[in-house]
């Protein structure tokens, strides 16, 4: 017997395979079920499903529900913290090579996430867009357009 954690619109419910097997349901068509439970009838329509993420959107008697299903393995992985997303906090952006600042694409106080274009650096006859390697807020910009920079020089400070 497997135990499942079902999250319906952010409310968590525990369920077992026996609970599912005990439902009185009839498949009406490919996306619709008719379910009887405790002398109540429910028309269940599958609106959208994502089997990779184990999520499904259901219409039950006209009400929309977002459902996520977690089996015992998913619950164990979650309990172990293996799904925790970590983001790198960025404090300094330094010039990766000597060159000339062609354009500054951000402003002081601006929030940036990983991959945000920060500035354009011309080096060795090529223009290089320098991207944020983490997230943060621009604390100060130490260079301006047409400034020459050396490798390792601080160009943007973050907080």
Protein backbone atom coordinates (compact mmCIF):
# COMPACT_ATOMS: atom_id res chain seq x y z
CA UNK A 1 0.00 0.00 0.00
CA UNK A 2 1.47 3.35 -1.06
CA UNK A 3 0.83 6.64 0.66
CA UNK A 4 0.46 9.84 -1.31
CA UNK A 5 0.54 13.50 -0.40
CA UNK A 6 -1.97 15.39 -2.52
CA UNK A 7 -1.79 19.18 -2.55
CA UNK A 8 -5.02 20.82 -3.71
CA UNK A 9 -4.82 24.60 -4.06
CA UNK A 10 -2.07 24.64 -1.35
CA UNK A 11 -4.03 22.41 1.06
CA UNK A 12 -2.31 19.08 1.78
CA UNK A 13 -4.18 15.78 2.09
CA UNK A 14 -2.86 12.28 2.84
CA UNK A 15 -4.20 9.47 0.69
CA UNK A 16 -3.44 5.78 0.17
CA UNK A 17 -3.96 3.48 -2.79
CA UNK A 18 -6.86 1.90 -0.84
CA UNK A 19 -8.58 5.31 -0.70
CA UNK A 20 -8.26 5.69 -4.45
CA UNK A 21 -9.41 2.12 -5.12
CA UNK A 22 -12.51 2.64 -2.99
CA UNK A 23 -13.76 5.54 -5.14
CA UNK A 24 -16.79 4.71 -7.25
CA UNK A 25 -15.91 6.25 -10.62
CA UNK A 26 -16.96 5.82 -14.24
CA UNK A 27 -14.87 7.01 -17.18
CA UNK A 28 -17.22 9.14 -19.31
CA UNK A 29 -14.63 9.99 -21.97
CA UNK A 30 -10.88 10.52 -22.30
CA UNK A 31 -10.84 13.58 -19.98
CA UNK A 32 -13.98 13.20 -17.89
CA UNK A 33 -14.98 11.02 -14.93
CA UNK A 34 -18.20 10.70 -13.00
CA UNK A 35 -17.39 10.01 -9.32
CA UNK A 36 -19.67 8.98 -6.46
CA UNK A 37 -18.40 9.51 -2.92
CA UNK A 38 -20.48 9.49 0.29
CA UNK A 39 -23.78 9.73 -1.63
CA UNK A 40 -22.57 12.77 -3.59
CA UNK A 41 -21.97 12.91 -7.35
CA UNK A 42 -19.02 14.76 -8.89
CA UNK A 43 -18.28 15.52 -12.53
CA UNK A 44 -14.50 15.61 -12.85
CA UNK A 45 -12.82 16.97 -15.98
CA UNK A 46 -9.07 16.98 -16.57
CA UNK A 47 -8.25 20.43 -17.94
CA UNK A 48 -4.45 20.20 -18.00
CA UNK A 49 -1.91 17.64 -16.87
CA UNK A 50 1.86 17.70 -16.53
CA UNK A 51 3.01 14.19 -15.71
CA UNK A 52 6.67 15.20 -15.46
CA UNK A 53 5.89 17.60 -12.58
CA UNK A 54 3.04 15.40 -11.31
CA UNK A 55 0.55 18.26 -11.49
CA UNK A 56 -2.96 18.36 -12.87
CA UNK A 57 -5.69 20.97 -13.18
CA UNK A 58 -9.19 19.62 -12.59
CA UNK A 59 -12.67 21.00 -12.96
CA UNK A 60 -14.91 19.39 -10.34
CA UNK A 61 -18.56 20.37 -10.70
CA UNK A 62 -17.37 23.58 -12.39
CA UNK A 63 -14.79 24.53 -9.72
CA UNK A 64 -11.12 24.63 -10.79
CA UNK A 65 -8.47 22.89 -8.65
CA UNK A 66 -4.70 22.72 -9.08
CA UNK A 67 -3.51 19.33 -7.80
CA UNK A 68 0.03 18.07 -7.13
CA UNK A 69 0.65 14.42 -6.35
CA UNK A 70 3.69 13.26 -4.36
CA UNK A 71 4.40 9.57 -3.86
CA UNK A 72 6.53 8.16 -1.02
CA UNK A 73 9.77 8.82 -2.93
CA UNK A 74 8.86 12.45 -3.67
CA UNK A 75 8.00 12.98 0.00
CA UNK A 76 11.32 11.46 1.12
CA UNK A 77 13.33 13.63 -1.28
CA UNK A 78 11.44 16.71 -0.07
CA UNK A 79 12.05 15.74 3.57
CA UNK A 80 15.78 15.33 2.89
CA UNK A 81 15.90 18.84 1.40
CA UNK A 82 17.21 17.70 -1.97
CA UNK A 83 14.78 19.96 -3.84
CA UNK A 84 15.88 23.14 -2.06
CA UNK A 85 16.77 25.76 -4.63
CA UNK A 86 19.82 27.81 -3.79
CA UNK A 87 20.63 31.12 -5.37
CA UNK A 88 24.03 32.67 -5.27
CA UNK A 89 24.20 36.10 -3.67
CA UNK A 90 26.51 38.29 -5.72
CA UNK A 91 28.66 40.95 -4.02
CA UNK A 92 31.16 42.07 -6.65
CA UNK A 93 31.45 42.03 -10.41
CA UNK A 94 35.03 42.28 -11.66
CA UNK A 95 36.35 42.74 -15.16
CA UNK A 96 37.11 39.30 -16.63
CA UNK A 97 39.74 40.82 -18.97
CA UNK A 98 41.27 44.21 -19.78
CA UNK A 99 39.16 46.30 -22.11
CA UNK A 100 36.98 49.32 -22.69
CA UNK A 101 33.48 49.83 -21.25
CA UNK A 102 31.17 50.31 -24.25
CA UNK A 103 27.86 50.54 -22.36
CA UNK A 104 26.51 50.22 -18.80
CA UNK A 105 23.11 48.47 -18.89
CA UNK A 106 22.05 48.76 -15.23
CA UNK A 107 21.46 51.53 -12.68
CA UNK A 108 22.24 51.88 -8.98
CA UNK A 109 19.40 50.38 -6.90
CA UNK A 110 18.28 48.02 -9.65
CA UNK A 111 17.54 44.42 -8.66
CA UNK A 112 19.19 41.81 -10.86
CA UNK A 113 18.91 38.07 -11.16
CA UNK A 114 21.32 35.55 -12.62
CA UNK A 115 21.75 36.19 -16.35
CA UNK A 116 20.83 39.89 -16.29
CA UNK A 117 23.05 41.86 -18.73
CA UNK A 118 25.12 44.32 -16.68
CA UNK A 119 27.47 46.01 -19.16
CA UNK A 120 29.24 45.66 -22.48
CA UNK A 121 33.04 45.32 -22.43
CA UNK A 122 35.09 45.63 -25.61
CA UNK A 123 38.23 43.51 -25.54
CA UNK A 124 40.40 42.09 -28.32
CA UNK A 125 38.16 43.66 -31.00
CA UNK A 126 35.08 41.87 -29.58
CA UNK A 127 32.16 43.19 -27.59
CA UNK A 128 31.37 41.01 -24.56
CA UNK A 129 28.11 41.34 -22.62
CA UNK A 130 28.89 40.78 -18.94
CA UNK A 131 26.00 38.96 -17.23
CA UNK A 132 25.12 38.76 -13.53
CA UNK A 133 26.34 35.47 -12.04
CA UNK A 134 23.83 35.62 -9.18
CA UNK A 135 21.15 37.85 -7.72
CA UNK A 136 21.38 41.12 -5.83
CA UNK A 137 20.82 44.87 -5.90
CA UNK A 138 23.25 47.24 -7.61
CA UNK A 139 24.98 49.15 -4.79
CA UNK A 140 27.46 51.10 -6.90
CA UNK A 141 28.81 51.23 -10.44
CA UNK A 142 32.54 51.92 -10.38
CA UNK A 143 32.93 52.58 -14.13
CA UNK A 144 31.23 54.61 -16.84
CA UNK A 145 31.05 54.43 -20.61
CA UNK A 146 34.45 54.74 -22.34
CA UNK A 147 36.44 53.82 -19.17
CA UNK A 148 39.40 51.47 -19.62
CA UNK A 149 39.49 48.59 -17.12
CA UNK A 150 42.11 46.05 -16.10
CA UNK A 151 41.49 42.35 -15.51
CA UNK A 152 40.10 41.82 -12.00
CA UNK A 153 39.14 45.45 -11.53
CA UNK A 154 35.92 46.04 -9.54
CA UNK A 155 33.30 47.34 -11.94
CA UNK A 156 29.99 46.83 -10.07
CA UNK A 157 29.34 46.37 -6.35
CA UNK A 158 26.20 44.53 -5.24
CA UNK A 159 24.33 44.03 -1.99
